[in-house]
Amino acid sequence: MNLKYGFFFEIIYKTLAYAGLLAGIWIVIWPVLSPLVNQQVRGYKVYTRLRKLQLTANASQYRKKFFIYRHLELLLGSTWPWFSETTVFYFVLLSVVLLSVSTAIYTRFSGGFLLAVVFGGLTCVIPYLSLLLVLCWKRSETSYELIPATSILLGKYRVNSRDIYYSLVDTIREMDQYKTLQRSFIKLASAIQSHRNKEDLENAVDVFVYQIGTSWARQIGIQIMTAQWENKEIERSLSNIVKDMGKAQEIMEQQKSSNQDTIQMGYFVPLIAFPASLFFLSKVVTSGRYFYYQFKTTVGFTSFVITFLLCLAGFTVSLLLRKPKNEI
C-alpha cells in the first residue's frame, strides 16, 4: 500500500518539477523570442489582410463575368453557415470529385460508360440539389416570419429616430422565436456595420433577399439600401409593406387546403409504394436471382436508379408544397 502511495507522490513531484523547469526556461527565453514572434504575427496579419482583399477583388470579377459563380455565391451565402470567399471554389471542387468517383463506381456496376457518366452527373449535383432543398425550406420558413419581423422593424425604426442600423439591431433582439430569419438579419446588420463601399452593401442585401426569395423581401431590401446608403426616410414605405403582407397572408391561408391530395400522394409513393414493390418482388423472385437482375444487370440497375430518383423528386416536391412561400 505504501509503495502505491510512494509511486503516486513520485509522479506528482516529477510532474511539478518538470513543469517548473519548463516555466523557468520559458521566462528566460521569452524576452528574446517575443520580438521575433510578434514580427511573424504582424507579417501573417498583413498577408491575411492582403489575401482577403485579393480574394474579394477576384470574387467581384467572377461575379460580373460568370452568372453561375454569382448564383453559387448567393446559394452558398444563404445556406452555408461558414461561407467565405473560397467557399464557391471548394464547392465546385467537391462536385468535380464526386463526378469522377461516382462515374468510376457506376462504370463498375453498370458496364456502360455513357450511362455511368449520366448517373455520375446526377450524383455530382446532389450537393447542389441538397442546398436548393435547404434554401427552399428556409424560404418557406422566412416568408412567414417576415411579416411579424417587418412589423417589429417598423416599430423600432420609429423609436430609433429612423436609424436603420440600430433599428435592425433592436429587431434582432426581439426575434428569438424566428431563428431562421434572425440569422439573416444578423448577417445584414453585420454587413451594414462593416461595409467598405456600396458594392459590399448591395451584396449583403442581395443575399438577404435571395435567402427569403419573395417580392416582399426585395421591397424591404430596397428600402434598407435606400435608408442606409441614401439616408432617406422609409417609414411610410415600411408601413405600406406591412399592410400588403397582412392581406396576402389572409389569401394564402384560404388556398392551402387545395394542395393536400398532391402532397399525400407525394408521400405515399416513395415511403410506402416503392419499398413495398421491392419487397414483393424479392419474395416472388428467388432471392439470389432478384438481386442479380436488379443490381447486376444494366437494365435492372438503370430502372432502379431512375425510379429512386423520381420517387425522391416527388417526395421533395411534396415537402415544398406542404408549406409554400407566403407570397401572392
C-alpha atoms as a PDB file:
ATOM      1  CA  MET A   1       0.000   0.000   0.000  1.00  0.00           C
ATOM      2  CA  ASN A   2       2.864   2.351   0.939  1.00  0.00           C
ATOM      3  CA  LEU A   3       4.560   1.565  -2.363  1.00  0.00           C
ATOM      4  CA  LYS A   4       1.462   2.623  -4.233  1.00  0.00           C
ATOM      5  CA  TYR A   5       1.278   5.933  -2.357  1.00  0.00           C
ATOM      6  CA  GLY A   6       5.015   6.478  -2.843  1.00  0.00           C
ATOM      7  CA  PHE A   7       4.685   5.886  -6.573  1.00  0.00           C
ATOM      8  CA  PHE A   8       1.715   8.264  -6.726  1.00  0.00           C
ATOM      9  CA  PHE A   9       3.575  11.073  -4.901  1.00  0.00           C
ATOM     10  CA  GLU A  10       6.645  10.500  -7.064  1.00  0.00           C
ATOM     11  CA  ILE A  11       4.564  11.111 -10.204  1.00  0.00           C
ATOM     12  CA  ILE A  12       3.157  14.347  -8.730  1.00  0.00           C
ATOM     13  CA  TYR A  13       6.612  15.510  -7.621  1.00  0.00           C
ATOM     14  CA  LYS A  14       8.241  14.862 -11.001  1.00  0.00           C
ATOM     15  CA  THR A  15       5.356  16.473 -12.873  1.00  0.00           C
ATOM     16  CA  LEU A  16       5.608  19.658 -10.800  1.00  0.00           C
ATOM     17  CA  ALA A  17       9.378  19.677 -11.128  1.00  0.00           C
ATOM     18  CA  TYR A  18       9.313  19.378 -14.914  1.00  0.00           C
ATOM     19  CA  ALA A  19       6.551  21.982 -15.126  1.00  0.00           C
ATOM     20  CA  GLY A  20       8.617  24.376 -13.027  1.00  0.00           C
ATOM     21  CA  LEU A  21      11.696  23.742 -15.162  1.00  0.00           C
ATOM     22  CA  LEU A  22       9.804  24.410 -18.405  1.00  0.00           C
ATOM     23  CA  ALA A  23       8.223  27.553 -16.910  1.00  0.00           C
ATOM     24  CA  GLY A  24      11.678  28.842 -15.891  1.00  0.00           C
ATOM     25  CA  ILE A  25      13.099  28.195 -19.360  1.00  0.00           C
ATOM     26  CA  TRP A  26      10.111  29.959 -20.920  1.00  0.00           C
ATOM     27  CA  ILE A  27      10.568  33.008 -18.650  1.00  0.00           C
ATOM     28  CA  VAL A  28      14.245  33.233 -19.625  1.00  0.00           C
ATOM     29  CA  ILE A  29      13.887  32.849 -23.404  1.00  0.00           C
ATOM     30  CA  TRP A  30      10.547  34.663 -23.960  1.00  0.00           C
ATOM     31  CA  PRO A  31      12.093  38.207 -23.951  1.00  0.00           C
ATOM     32  CA  VAL A  32      14.387  37.031 -26.758  1.00  0.00           C
ATOM     33  CA  LEU A  33      11.671  35.252 -28.761  1.00  0.00           C
ATOM     34  CA  SER A  34       8.938  37.845 -28.229  1.00  0.00           C
ATOM     35  CA  PRO A  35      10.108  40.365 -30.905  1.00  0.00           C
ATOM     36  CA  LEU A  36      10.540  37.568 -33.460  1.00  0.00           C
ATOM     37  CA  VAL A  37       7.116  36.086 -32.707  1.00  0.00           C
ATOM     38  CA  ASN A  38       5.406  39.490 -32.843  1.00  0.00           C
ATOM     39  CA  GLN A  39       7.097  40.233 -36.169  1.00  0.00           C
ATOM     40  CA  GLN A  40       5.869  36.941 -37.619  1.00  0.00           C
ATOM     41  CA  VAL A  41       2.354  37.544 -36.294  1.00  0.00           C
ATOM     42  CA  ARG A  42       2.246  41.046 -37.813  1.00  0.00           C
ATOM     43  CA  GLY A  43       3.524  39.678 -41.109  1.00  0.00           C
ATOM     44  CA  TYR A  44       0.882  36.976 -41.109  1.00  0.00           C
ATOM     45  CA  LYS A  45      -1.863  39.502 -40.347  1.00  0.00           C
ATOM     46  CA  VAL A  46      -0.708  41.731 -43.213  1.00  0.00           C
ATOM     47  CA  TYR A  47      -0.577  38.719 -45.548  1.00  0.00           C
ATOM     48  CA  THR A  48      -4.060  37.626 -44.452  1.00  0.00           C
ATOM     49  CA  ARG A  49      -5.457  41.120 -44.987  1.00  0.00           C
ATOM     50  CA  LEU A  50      -3.893  41.411 -48.442  1.00  0.00           C
ATOM     51  CA  ARG A  51      -5.034  37.888 -49.307  1.00  0.00           C
ATOM     52  CA  LYS A  52      -8.589  38.724 -48.278  1.00  0.00           C
ATOM     53  CA  LEU A  53      -8.552  41.887 -50.387  1.00  0.00           C
ATOM     54  CA  GLN A  54      -7.253  39.874 -53.361  1.00  0.00           C
ATOM     55  CA  LEU A  55      -9.943  37.213 -52.923  1.00  0.00           C
ATOM     56  CA  THR A  56     -12.597  39.911 -52.659  1.00  0.00           C
ATOM     57  CA  ALA A  57     -11.353  41.543 -55.862  1.00  0.00           C
ATOM     58  CA  ASN A  58     -11.312  38.183 -57.675  1.00  0.00           C
ATOM     59  CA  ALA A  59     -14.817  37.390 -56.435  1.00  0.00           C
ATOM     60  CA  SER A  60     -16.008  40.759 -57.727  1.00  0.00           C
ATOM     61  CA  GLN A  61     -14.590  39.988 -61.184  1.00  0.00           C
ATOM     62  CA  TYR A  62     -16.030  36.456 -61.279  1.00  0.00           C
ATOM     63  CA  ARG A  63     -19.382  37.813 -60.129  1.00  0.00           C
ATOM     64  CA  LYS A  64     -19.532  40.161 -63.115  1.00  0.00           C
ATOM     65  CA  LYS A  65     -18.267  37.651 -65.702  1.00  0.00           C
ATOM     66  CA  PHE A  66     -19.939  34.384 -64.732  1.00  0.00           C
ATOM     67  CA  PHE A  67     -23.611  34.030 -63.888  1.00  0.00           C
ATOM     68  CA  ILE A  68     -23.077  30.563 -62.379  1.00  0.00           C
ATOM     69  CA  TYR A  69     -20.481  31.951 -59.946  1.00  0.00           C
ATOM     70  CA  ARG A  70     -22.913  34.610 -58.754  1.00  0.00           C
ATOM     71  CA  HIS A  71     -25.659  32.010 -58.447  1.00  0.00           C
ATOM     72  CA  LEU A  72     -23.460  29.686 -56.361  1.00  0.00           C
ATOM     73  CA  GLU A  73     -22.268  32.615 -54.264  1.00  0.00           C
ATOM     74  CA  LEU A  74     -25.839  33.594 -53.398  1.00  0.00           C
ATOM     75  CA  LEU A  75     -26.872  29.971 -52.808  1.00  0.00           C
ATOM     76  CA  LEU A  76     -23.935  29.145 -50.530  1.00  0.00           C
ATOM     77  CA  GLY A  77     -24.139  32.509 -48.788  1.00  0.00           C
ATOM     78  CA  SER A  78     -27.796  31.811 -47.993  1.00  0.00           C
ATOM     79  CA  THR A  79     -27.383  28.198 -46.835  1.00  0.00           C
ATOM     80  CA  TRP A  80     -23.786  27.592 -45.714  1.00  0.00           C
ATOM     81  CA  PRO A  81     -23.063  28.812 -42.134  1.00  0.00           C
ATOM     82  CA  TRP A  82     -19.282  29.161 -42.688  1.00  0.00           C
ATOM     83  CA  PHE A  83     -19.343  30.970 -46.024  1.00  0.00           C
ATOM     84  CA  SER A  84     -16.137  32.736 -47.111  1.00  0.00           C
ATOM     85  CA  GLU A  85     -14.508  33.956 -50.314  1.00  0.00           C
ATOM     86  CA  THR A  86     -13.154  30.436 -51.051  1.00  0.00           C
ATOM     87  CA  THR A  87     -16.382  28.513 -50.417  1.00  0.00           C
ATOM     88  CA  VAL A  88     -17.512  28.588 -54.058  1.00  0.00           C
ATOM     89  CA  PHE A  89     -14.164  27.194 -55.247  1.00  0.00           C
ATOM     90  CA  TYR A  90     -14.218  24.297 -52.774  1.00  0.00           C
ATOM     91  CA  PHE A  91     -17.849  23.545 -53.606  1.00  0.00           C
ATOM     92  CA  VAL A  92     -17.030  23.269 -57.316  1.00  0.00           C
ATOM     93  CA  LEU A  93     -14.028  21.076 -56.455  1.00  0.00           C
ATOM     94  CA  LEU A  94     -16.254  18.779 -54.384  1.00  0.00           C
ATOM     95  CA  SER A  95     -18.679  18.420 -57.293  1.00  0.00           C
ATOM     96  CA  VAL A  96     -15.865  17.516 -59.713  1.00  0.00           C
ATOM     97  CA  VAL A  97     -14.512  14.884 -57.297  1.00  0.00           C
ATOM     98  CA  LEU A  98     -18.000  13.404 -56.906  1.00  0.00           C
ATOM     99  CA  LEU A  99     -18.390  13.265 -60.682  1.00  0.00           C
ATOM    100  CA  SER A 100     -15.104  11.392 -61.131  1.00  0.00           C
ATOM    101  CA  VAL A 101     -15.584   8.911 -58.279  1.00  0.00           C
ATOM    102  CA  SER A 102     -19.257   8.175 -58.965  1.00  0.00           C
ATOM    103  CA  THR A 103     -18.624   7.690 -62.697  1.00  0.00           C
ATOM    104  CA  ALA A 104     -15.927   5.119 -61.915  1.00  0.00           C
ATOM    105  CA  ILE A 105     -18.242   3.276 -59.491  1.00  0.00           C
ATOM    106  CA  TYR A 106     -21.212   3.268 -61.878  1.00  0.00           C
ATOM    107  CA  THR A 107     -18.983   2.016 -64.697  1.00  0.00           C
ATOM    108  CA  ARG A 108     -18.025  -0.921 -62.497  1.00  0.00           C
ATOM    109  CA  PHE A 109     -21.667  -1.816 -61.743  1.00  0.00           C
ATOM    110  CA  SER A 110     -23.455  -0.971 -64.992  1.00  0.00           C
ATOM    111  CA  GLY A 111     -20.772  -1.872 -67.523  1.00  0.00           C
ATOM    112  CA  GLY A 112     -21.746   1.059 -69.780  1.00  0.00           C
ATOM    113  CA  PHE A 113     -19.535   4.172 -69.759  1.00  0.00           C
ATOM    114  CA  LEU A 114     -22.110   6.583 -71.246  1.00  0.00           C
ATOM    115  CA  LEU A 115     -24.763   5.504 -68.744  1.00  0.00           C
ATOM    116  CA  ALA A 116     -22.207   5.776 -65.941  1.00  0.00           C
ATOM    117  CA  VAL A 117     -21.389   9.356 -66.971  1.00  0.00           C
ATOM    118  CA  VAL A 118     -25.096  10.251 -66.873  1.00  0.00           C
ATOM    119  CA  PHE A 119     -25.556   8.761 -63.401  1.00  0.00           C
ATOM    120  CA  GLY A 120     -22.257  10.308 -62.304  1.00  0.00           C
ATOM    121  CA  GLY A 121     -23.538  13.695 -63.412  1.00  0.00           C
ATOM    122  CA  LEU A 122     -26.730  13.157 -61.424  1.00  0.00           C
ATOM    123  CA  THR A 123     -24.679  12.182 -58.377  1.00  0.00           C
ATOM    124  CA  CYS A 124     -22.359  15.183 -58.566  1.00  0.00           C
ATOM    125  CA  VAL A 125     -25.315  17.597 -58.444  1.00  0.00           C
ATOM    126  CA  ILE A 126     -26.631  16.044 -55.222  1.00  0.00           C
ATOM    127  CA  PRO A 127     -24.835  18.641 -53.024  1.00  0.00           C
ATOM    128  CA  TYR A 128     -26.269  21.406 -55.209  1.00  0.00           C
ATOM    129  CA  LEU A 129     -29.785  19.948 -55.062  1.00  0.00           C
ATOM    130  CA  SER A 130     -29.437  19.467 -51.300  1.00  0.00           C
ATOM    131  CA  LEU A 131     -28.566  23.133 -50.880  1.00  0.00           C
ATOM    132  CA  LEU A 132     -31.526  24.075 -53.065  1.00  0.00           C
ATOM    133  CA  LEU A 133     -33.759  21.989 -50.814  1.00  0.00           C
ATOM    134  CA  VAL A 134     -32.341  23.710 -47.732  1.00  0.00           C
ATOM    135  CA  LEU A 135     -32.876  27.063 -49.416  1.00  0.00           C
ATOM    136  CA  CYS A 136     -36.493  26.212 -50.257  1.00  0.00           C
ATOM    137  CA  TRP A 137     -37.098  25.179 -46.656  1.00  0.00           C
ATOM    138  CA  LYS A 138     -35.557  28.423 -45.397  1.00  0.00           C
ATOM    139  CA  ARG A 139     -37.619  30.444 -47.851  1.00  0.00           C
ATOM    140  CA  SER A 140     -40.768  28.708 -46.697  1.00  0.00           C
ATOM    141  CA  GLU A 141     -39.979  29.496 -43.054  1.00  0.00           C
ATOM    142  CA  THR A 142     -38.686  33.031 -43.511  1.00  0.00           C
ATOM    143  CA  SER A 143     -41.527  34.096 -45.811  1.00  0.00           C
ATOM    144  CA  TYR A 144     -43.935  33.575 -42.903  1.00  0.00           C
ATOM    145  CA  GLU A 145     -41.563  35.045 -40.311  1.00  0.00           C
ATOM    146  CA  LEU A 146     -41.005  38.162 -42.424  1.00  0.00           C
ATOM    147  CA  ILE A 147     -44.450  39.609 -41.646  1.00  0.00           C
ATOM    148  CA  PRO A 148     -44.081  39.912 -37.838  1.00  0.00           C
ATOM    149  CA  ALA A 149     -40.381  40.773 -38.226  1.00  0.00           C
ATOM    150  CA  THR A 150     -41.183  43.699 -40.543  1.00  0.00           C
ATOM    151  CA  SER A 151     -43.783  44.934 -38.064  1.00  0.00           C
ATOM    152  CA  ILE A 152     -41.136  44.869 -35.328  1.00  0.00           C
ATOM    153  CA  LEU A 153     -38.662  46.645 -37.638  1.00  0.00           C
ATOM    154  CA  LEU A 154     -41.200  49.364 -38.374  1.00  0.00           C
ATOM    155  CA  GLY A 155     -41.749  49.984 -34.659  1.00  0.00           C
ATOM    156  CA  LYS A 156     -38.003  50.042 -33.928  1.00  0.00           C
ATOM    157  CA  TYR A 157     -37.403  52.369 -36.872  1.00  0.00           C
ATOM    158  CA  ARG A 158     -39.761  54.898 -35.316  1.00  0.00           C
ATOM    159  CA  VAL A 159     -38.216  54.524 -31.850  1.00  0.00           C
ATOM    160  CA  ASN A 160     -34.584  54.829 -33.058  1.00  0.00           C
ATOM    161  CA  SER A 161     -35.107  58.149 -34.852  1.00  0.00           C
ATOM    162  CA  ARG A 162     -35.120  56.445 -38.268  1.00  0.00           C
ATOM    163  CA  ASP A 163     -31.626  54.938 -37.894  1.00  0.00           C
ATOM    164  CA  ILE A 164     -31.849  51.710 -39.880  1.00  0.00           C
ATOM    165  CA  TYR A 165     -28.781  50.006 -38.346  1.00  0.00           C
ATOM    166  CA  TYR A 166     -29.883  50.376 -34.730  1.00  0.00           C
ATOM    167  CA  SER A 167     -33.425  49.522 -35.801  1.00  0.00           C
ATOM    168  CA  LEU A 168     -32.148  46.205 -37.202  1.00  0.00           C
ATOM    169  CA  VAL A 169     -30.109  45.511 -34.038  1.00  0.00           C
ATOM    170  CA  ASP A 170     -33.139  46.108 -31.789  1.00  0.00           C
ATOM    171  CA  THR A 171     -35.303  43.999 -34.111  1.00  0.00           C
ATOM    172  CA  ILE A 172     -32.841  41.095 -33.872  1.00  0.00           C
ATOM    173  CA  ARG A 173     -33.074  41.170 -30.069  1.00  0.00           C
ATOM    174  CA  GLU A 174     -36.820  40.555 -30.252  1.00  0.00           C
ATOM    175  CA  MET A 175     -36.694  37.771 -32.869  1.00  0.00           C
ATOM    176  CA  ASP A 176     -35.805  34.796 -30.643  1.00  0.00           C
ATOM    177  CA  GLN A 177     -38.880  32.902 -31.863  1.00  0.00           C
ATOM    178  CA  TYR A 178     -37.926  33.480 -35.507  1.00  0.00           C
ATOM    179  CA  LYS A 179     -34.484  31.847 -35.513  1.00  0.00           C
ATOM    180  CA  THR A 180     -34.181  31.279 -39.265  1.00  0.00           C
ATOM    181  CA  LEU A 181     -34.921  34.868 -40.221  1.00  0.00           C
ATOM    182  CA  GLN A 182     -32.973  36.190 -37.239  1.00  0.00           C
ATOM    183  CA  ARG A 183     -29.735  34.801 -38.707  1.00  0.00           C
ATOM    184  CA  SER A 184     -30.479  36.610 -41.976  1.00  0.00           C
ATOM    185  CA  PHE A 185     -30.999  39.892 -40.129  1.00  0.00           C
ATOM    186  CA  ILE A 186     -27.776  39.349 -38.158  1.00  0.00           C
ATOM    187  CA  LYS A 187     -25.768  38.914 -41.380  1.00  0.00           C
ATOM    188  CA  LEU A 188     -27.401  42.003 -42.865  1.00  0.00           C
ATOM    189  CA  ALA A 189     -26.762  44.162 -39.769  1.00  0.00           C
ATOM    190  CA  SER A 190     -23.145  42.974 -39.636  1.00  0.00           C
ATOM    191  CA  ALA A 191     -22.662  43.901 -43.297  1.00  0.00           C
ATOM    192  CA  ILE A 192     -24.199  47.348 -42.738  1.00  0.00           C
ATOM    193  CA  GLN A 193     -21.786  47.941 -39.874  1.00  0.00           C
ATOM    194  CA  SER A 194     -18.635  46.765 -41.678  1.00  0.00           C
ATOM    195  CA  HIS A 195     -19.262  47.566 -45.365  1.00  0.00           C
ATOM    196  CA  ARG A 196     -16.450  49.401 -47.177  1.00  0.00           C
ATOM    197  CA  ASN A 197     -18.340  50.532 -50.244  1.00  0.00           C
ATOM    198  CA  LYS A 198     -21.711  50.377 -51.941  1.00  0.00           C
ATOM    199  CA  GLU A 199     -20.920  47.040 -53.602  1.00  0.00           C
ATOM    200  CA  ASP A 200     -20.408  45.344 -50.207  1.00  0.00           C
ATOM    201  CA  LEU A 201     -23.749  46.686 -49.017  1.00  0.00           C
ATOM    202  CA  GLU A 202     -25.511  45.620 -52.215  1.00  0.00           C
ATOM    203  CA  ASN A 203     -24.082  42.081 -51.927  1.00  0.00           C
ATOM    204  CA  ALA A 204     -25.332  41.777 -48.341  1.00  0.00           C
ATOM    205  CA  VAL A 205     -28.798  42.977 -49.347  1.00  0.00           C
ATOM    206  CA  ASP A 206     -28.811  40.584 -52.327  1.00  0.00           C
ATOM    207  CA  VAL A 207     -28.038  37.605 -50.056  1.00  0.00           C
ATOM    208  CA  PHE A 208     -30.789  38.706 -47.654  1.00  0.00           C
ATOM    209  CA  VAL A 209     -33.319  38.980 -50.484  1.00  0.00           C
ATOM    210  CA  TYR A 210     -32.196  35.727 -52.126  1.00  0.00           C
ATOM    211  CA  GLN A 211     -32.491  33.740 -48.895  1.00  0.00           C
ATOM    212  CA  ILE A 212     -36.140  34.779 -48.444  1.00  0.00           C
ATOM    213  CA  GLY A 213     -36.954  34.810 -52.149  1.00  0.00           C
ATOM    214  CA  THR A 214     -40.165  36.841 -52.125  1.00  0.00           C
ATOM    215  CA  SER A 215     -41.160  40.161 -53.638  1.00  0.00           C
ATOM    216  CA  TRP A 216     -41.737  41.461 -50.090  1.00  0.00           C
ATOM    217  CA  ALA A 217     -38.100  40.705 -49.204  1.00  0.00           C
ATOM    218  CA  ARG A 218     -36.940  42.526 -52.327  1.00  0.00           C
ATOM    219  CA  GLN A 219     -39.009  45.584 -51.411  1.00  0.00           C
ATOM    220  CA  ILE A 220     -37.653  45.528 -47.850  1.00  0.00           C
ATOM    221  CA  GLY A 221     -34.098  45.111 -49.149  1.00  0.00           C
ATOM    222  CA  ILE A 222     -34.525  48.117 -51.431  1.00  0.00           C
ATOM    223  CA  GLN A 223     -35.854  50.189 -48.523  1.00  0.00           C
ATOM    224  CA  ILE A 224     -32.956  49.172 -46.252  1.00  0.00           C
ATOM    225  CA  MET A 225     -30.480  50.037 -49.003  1.00  0.00           C
ATOM    226  CA  THR A 226     -32.182  53.396 -49.511  1.00  0.00           C
ATOM    227  CA  ALA A 227     -32.188  54.185 -45.795  1.00  0.00           C
ATOM    228  CA  GLN A 228     -28.546  53.209 -45.243  1.00  0.00           C
ATOM    229  CA  TRP A 229     -26.816  54.433 -48.394  1.00  0.00           C
ATOM    230  CA  GLU A 230     -29.002  57.388 -49.392  1.00  0.00           C
ATOM    231  CA  ASN A 231     -30.057  58.255 -45.835  1.00  0.00           C
ATOM    232  CA  LYS A 232     -33.716  58.600 -46.827  1.00  0.00           C
ATOM    233  CA  GLU A 233     -36.746  58.157 -44.585  1.00  0.00           C
ATOM    234  CA  ILE A 234     -38.618  54.890 -45.274  1.00  0.00           C
ATOM    235  CA  GLU A 235     -41.315  54.804 -42.563  1.00  0.00           C
ATOM    236  CA  ARG A 236     -44.255  55.179 -44.940  1.00  0.00           C
ATOM    237  CA  SER A 237     -42.888  52.521 -47.324  1.00  0.00           C
ATOM    238  CA  LEU A 238     -42.372  50.016 -44.494  1.00  0.00           C
ATOM    239  CA  SER A 239     -45.879  50.712 -43.222  1.00  0.00           C
ATOM    240  CA  ASN A 240     -47.386  50.003 -46.669  1.00  0.00           C
ATOM    241  CA  ILE A 241     -45.369  46.775 -46.971  1.00  0.00           C
ATOM    242  CA  VAL A 242     -46.647  45.562 -43.597  1.00  0.00           C
ATOM    243  CA  LYS A 243     -50.251  46.202 -44.640  1.00  0.00           C
ATOM    244  CA  ASP A 244     -49.845  44.459 -48.015  1.00  0.00           C
ATOM    245  CA  MET A 245     -48.175  41.418 -46.447  1.00  0.00           C
ATOM    246  CA  GLY A 246     -51.009  41.059 -43.950  1.00  0.00           C
ATOM    247  CA  LYS A 247     -53.604  40.991 -46.734  1.00  0.00           C
ATOM    248  CA  ALA A 248     -51.531  38.484 -48.743  1.00  0.00           C
ATOM    249  CA  GLN A 249     -51.279  36.134 -45.771  1.00  0.00           C
ATOM    250  CA  GLU A 250     -55.065  36.015 -45.426  1.00  0.00           C
ATOM    251  CA  ILE A 251     -55.365  34.935 -49.080  1.00  0.00           C
ATOM    252  CA  MET A 252     -52.641  32.278 -48.642  1.00  0.00           C
ATOM    253  CA  GLU A 253     -54.465  30.713 -45.704  1.00  0.00           C
ATOM    254  CA  GLN A 254     -57.536  30.204 -47.898  1.00  0.00           C
ATOM    255  CA  GLN A 255     -55.530  28.457 -50.653  1.00  0.00           C
ATOM    256  CA  LYS A 256     -53.580  25.965 -48.500  1.00  0.00           C
ATOM    257  CA  SER A 257     -56.164  23.173 -48.485  1.00  0.00           C
ATOM    258  CA  SER A 258     -56.217  22.819 -52.309  1.00  0.00           C
ATOM    259  CA  ASN A 259     -52.791  21.064 -52.435  1.00  0.00           C
ATOM    260  CA  GLN A 260     -53.413  18.371 -49.800  1.00  0.00           C
ATOM    261  CA  ASP A 261     -54.177  15.494 -52.226  1.00  0.00           C
ATOM    262  CA  THR A 262     -50.998  16.095 -54.228  1.00  0.00           C
ATOM    263  CA  ILE A 263     -48.925  16.269 -51.061  1.00  0.00           C
ATOM    264  CA  GLN A 264     -50.320  12.987 -49.704  1.00  0.00           C
ATOM    265  CA  MET A 265     -49.612  11.171 -52.995  1.00  0.00           C
ATOM    266  CA  GLY A 266     -46.058  12.509 -52.986  1.00  0.00           C
ATOM    267  CA  TYR A 267     -45.526  10.973 -49.541  1.00  0.00           C
ATOM    268  CA  PHE A 268     -47.263   7.679 -50.360  1.00  0.00           C
ATOM    269  CA  VAL A 269     -45.224   6.644 -53.420  1.00  0.00           C
ATOM    270  CA  PRO A 270     -41.639   6.986 -52.062  1.00  0.00           C
ATOM    271  CA  LEU A 271     -42.360   5.981 -48.461  1.00  0.00           C
ATOM    272  CA  ILE A 272     -44.812   3.104 -48.997  1.00  0.00           C
ATOM    273  CA  ALA A 273     -45.401   2.078 -52.620  1.00  0.00           C
ATOM    274  CA  PHE A 274     -41.769   1.905 -53.799  1.00  0.00           C
ATOM    275  CA  PRO A 275     -40.367  -0.048 -50.784  1.00  0.00           C
ATOM    276  CA  ALA A 276     -43.435  -2.352 -50.839  1.00  0.00           C
ATOM    277  CA  SER A 277     -42.908  -3.158 -54.533  1.00  0.00           C
ATOM    278  CA  LEU A 278     -39.257  -4.053 -53.915  1.00  0.00           C
ATOM    279  CA  PHE A 279     -40.218  -6.286 -51.003  1.00  0.00           C
ATOM    280  CA  PHE A 280     -42.920  -8.009 -53.060  1.00  0.00           C
ATOM    281  CA  LEU A 281     -40.534  -8.678 -55.971  1.00  0.00           C
ATOM    282  CA  SER A 282     -37.889 -10.072 -53.616  1.00  0.00           C
ATOM    283  CA  LYS A 283     -40.453 -12.592 -52.313  1.00  0.00           C
ATOM    284  CA  VAL A 284     -41.803 -13.584 -55.743  1.00  0.00           C
ATOM    285  CA  VAL A 285     -38.410 -13.981 -57.422  1.00  0.00           C
ATOM    286  CA  THR A 286     -35.738 -16.202 -55.910  1.00  0.00           C
ATOM    287  CA  SER A 287     -33.684 -14.012 -53.579  1.00  0.00           C
ATOM    288  CA  GLY A 288     -30.323 -14.506 -55.273  1.00  0.00           C
ATOM    289  CA  ARG A 289     -31.747 -14.082 -58.779  1.00  0.00           C
ATOM    290  CA  TYR A 290     -33.715 -10.996 -57.790  1.00  0.00           C
ATOM    291  CA  PHE A 291     -30.631  -9.117 -56.546  1.00  0.00           C
ATOM    292  CA  TYR A 292     -28.693 -10.260 -59.599  1.00  0.00           C
ATOM    293  CA  TYR A 293     -31.259  -8.983 -62.104  1.00  0.00           C
ATOM    294  CA  GLN A 294     -31.933  -5.793 -60.114  1.00  0.00           C
ATOM    295  CA  PHE A 295     -28.376  -4.666 -59.376  1.00  0.00           C
ATOM    296  CA  LYS A 296     -26.014  -6.707 -61.565  1.00  0.00           C
ATOM    297  CA  THR A 297     -27.652  -6.088 -64.952  1.00  0.00           C
ATOM    298  CA  THR A 298     -27.650  -2.794 -66.814  1.00  0.00           C
ATOM    299  CA  VAL A 299     -31.438  -2.698 -67.322  1.00  0.00           C
ATOM    300  CA  GLY A 300     -32.263  -3.617 -63.722  1.00  0.00           C
ATOM    301  CA  PHE A 301     -29.765  -1.196 -62.188  1.00  0.00           C
ATOM    302  CA  THR A 302     -30.827   1.622 -64.513  1.00  0.00           C
ATOM    303  CA  SER A 303     -34.527   1.145 -63.766  1.00  0.00           C
ATOM    304  CA  PHE A 304     -33.812   1.097 -60.011  1.00  0.00           C
ATOM    305  CA  VAL A 305     -31.802   4.344 -60.106  1.00  0.00           C
ATOM    306  CA  ILE A 306     -34.347   6.142 -62.304  1.00  0.00           C
ATOM    307  CA  THR A 307     -37.279   5.030 -60.126  1.00  0.00           C
ATOM    308  CA  PHE A 308     -35.432   6.015 -56.972  1.00  0.00           C
ATOM    309  CA  LEU A 309     -34.637   9.475 -58.352  1.00  0.00           C
ATOM    310  CA  LEU A 310     -38.251  10.019 -59.442  1.00  0.00           C
ATOM    311  CA  CYS A 311     -39.533   8.994 -56.004  1.00  0.00           C
ATOM    312  CA  LEU A 312     -37.009  11.303 -54.374  1.00  0.00           C
ATOM    313  CA  ALA A 313     -38.121  14.163 -56.612  1.00  0.00           C
ATOM    314  CA  GLY A 314     -41.794  13.520 -55.785  1.00  0.00           C
ATOM    315  CA  PHE A 315     -41.042  13.439 -52.076  1.00  0.00           C
ATOM    316  CA  THR A 316     -39.112  16.710 -52.338  1.00  0.00           C
ATOM    317  CA  VAL A 317     -41.940  18.430 -54.211  1.00  0.00           C
ATOM    318  CA  SER A 318     -44.399  17.268 -51.536  1.00  0.00           C
ATOM    319  CA  LEU A 319     -42.215  18.730 -48.817  1.00  0.00           C
ATOM    320  CA  LEU A 320     -42.121  22.054 -50.634  1.00  0.00           C
ATOM    321  CA  LEU A 321     -45.873  22.116 -51.294  1.00  0.00           C
ATOM    322  CA  ARG A 322     -46.586  21.301 -47.658  1.00  0.00           C
ATOM    323  CA  LYS A 323     -45.735  24.867 -46.731  1.00  0.00           C
ATOM    324  CA  PRO A 324     -45.427  27.104 -49.814  1.00  0.00           C
ATOM    325  CA  LYS A 325     -43.840  30.506 -49.683  1.00  0.00           C
ATOM    326  CA  ASN A 326     -46.029  33.240 -48.273  1.00  0.00           C
ATOM    327  CA  GLU A 327     -46.320  35.285 -51.432  1.00  0.00           C
ATOM    328  CA  ILE A 328     -49.017  36.260 -53.898  1.00  0.00           C
END
